[in-house]
Amino acid sequence: MADLLNVVMLICASLASLVFGVFAAYGILKAGFALMRPRSQAATVKPQPEMAQVS
């Protein structure tokens, strides 16, 4: 009976460590891609509009 309990605990511990690894990798990749996402910057507005010159 104790051997069966040890096997069940070993299986549960290995599955839990796999799940933890998957969630940790997901969090690290999500944070990394969020940091690499391009930021939108406001366009600079010129103080005076340019006039077209006809020559």
C-alpha atoms as a PDB file:
ATOM      1  CA  MET A   1       0.000   0.000   0.000  1.00  0.00           C
ATOM      2  CA  ALA A   2       2.829   2.398   0.868  1.00  0.00           C
ATOM      3  CA  ASP A   3       4.544   1.632  -2.447  1.00  0.00           C
ATOM      4  CA  LEU A   4       1.380   2.505  -4.367  1.00  0.00           C
ATOM      5  CA  LEU A   5       1.050   5.751  -2.431  1.00  0.00           C
ATOM      6  CA  ASN A   6       4.691   6.599  -3.173  1.00  0.00           C
ATOM      7  CA  VAL A   7       4.144   5.979  -6.908  1.00  0.00           C
ATOM      8  CA  VAL A   8       1.029   8.181  -6.930  1.00  0.00           C
ATOM      9  CA  MET A   9       2.868  10.947  -5.080  1.00  0.00           C
ATOM     10  CA  LEU A  10       5.799  10.682  -7.502  1.00  0.00           C
ATOM     11  CA  ILE A  11       3.463  10.954 -10.499  1.00  0.00           C
ATOM     12  CA  CYS A  12       1.642  13.932  -8.983  1.00  0.00           C
ATOM     13  CA  ALA A  13       4.925  15.682  -8.160  1.00  0.00           C
ATOM     14  CA  SER A  14       6.284  15.175 -11.669  1.00  0.00           C
ATOM     15  CA  LEU A  15       3.081  16.454 -13.267  1.00  0.00           C
ATOM     16  CA  ALA A  16       3.043  19.468 -10.950  1.00  0.00           C
ATOM     17  CA  SER A  17       6.628  20.326 -11.849  1.00  0.00           C
ATOM     18  CA  LEU A  18       5.800  20.060 -15.566  1.00  0.00           C
ATOM     19  CA  VAL A  19       2.795  22.359 -15.143  1.00  0.00           C
ATOM     20  CA  PHE A  20       4.878  24.835 -13.160  1.00  0.00           C
ATOM     21  CA  GLY A  21       7.520  24.832 -15.903  1.00  0.00           C
ATOM     22  CA  VAL A  22       4.929  25.484 -18.603  1.00  0.00           C
ATOM     23  CA  PHE A  23       3.372  28.381 -16.681  1.00  0.00           C
ATOM     24  CA  ALA A  24       6.793  29.849 -15.836  1.00  0.00           C
ATOM     25  CA  ALA A  25       7.858  29.707 -19.487  1.00  0.00           C
ATOM     26  CA  TYR A  26       4.569  31.291 -20.555  1.00  0.00           C
ATOM     27  CA  GLY A  27       5.021  34.153 -18.092  1.00  0.00           C
ATOM     28  CA  ILE A  28       8.641  34.760 -19.101  1.00  0.00           C
ATOM     29  CA  LEU A  29       7.811  34.764 -22.820  1.00  0.00           C
ATOM     30  CA  LYS A  30       4.762  36.981 -22.342  1.00  0.00           C
ATOM     31  CA  ALA A  31       6.843  39.521 -20.412  1.00  0.00           C
ATOM     32  CA  GLY A  32       9.634  39.361 -22.999  1.00  0.00           C
ATOM     33  CA  PHE A  33       7.304  39.943 -25.937  1.00  0.00           C
ATOM     34  CA  ALA A  34       5.579  42.775 -24.062  1.00  0.00           C
ATOM     35  CA  LEU A  35       8.967  44.462 -23.608  1.00  0.00           C
ATOM     36  CA  MET A  36       9.815  44.000 -27.306  1.00  0.00           C
ATOM     37  CA  ARG A  37       6.480  45.412 -28.507  1.00  0.00           C
ATOM     38  CA  PRO A  38       7.002  48.683 -30.383  1.00  0.00           C
ATOM     39  CA  ARG A  39       5.730  51.708 -28.540  1.00  0.00           C
ATOM     40  CA  SER A  40       3.486  54.193 -30.311  1.00  0.00           C
ATOM     41  CA  GLN A  41       4.933  57.685 -30.152  1.00  0.00           C
ATOM     42  CA  ALA A  42       3.048  60.874 -30.841  1.00  0.00           C
ATOM     43  CA  ALA A  43       3.970  62.568 -34.104  1.00  0.00           C
ATOM     44  CA  THR A  44       5.831  65.826 -33.716  1.00  0.00           C
ATOM     45  CA  VAL A  45       3.886  68.835 -34.970  1.00  0.00           C
ATOM     46  CA  LYS A  46       5.810  71.554 -36.779  1.00  0.00           C
ATOM     47  CA  PRO A  47       5.182  75.021 -35.320  1.00  0.00           C
ATOM     48  CA  GLN A  48       4.743  76.699 -38.740  1.00  0.00           C
ATOM     49  CA  PRO A  49       3.352  75.079 -41.871  1.00  0.00           C
ATOM     50  CA  GLU A  50       5.619  75.106 -44.882  1.00  0.00           C
ATOM     51  CA  MET A  51       4.489  76.941 -48.008  1.00  0.00           C
ATOM     52  CA  ALA A  52       5.026  75.475 -51.442  1.00  0.00           C
ATOM     53  CA  GLN A  53       7.068  77.743 -53.708  1.00  0.00           C
ATOM     54  CA  VAL A  54       6.291  77.932 -57.414  1.00  0.00           C
ATOM     55  CA  SER A  55       9.293  78.788 -59.545  1.00  0.00           C
END
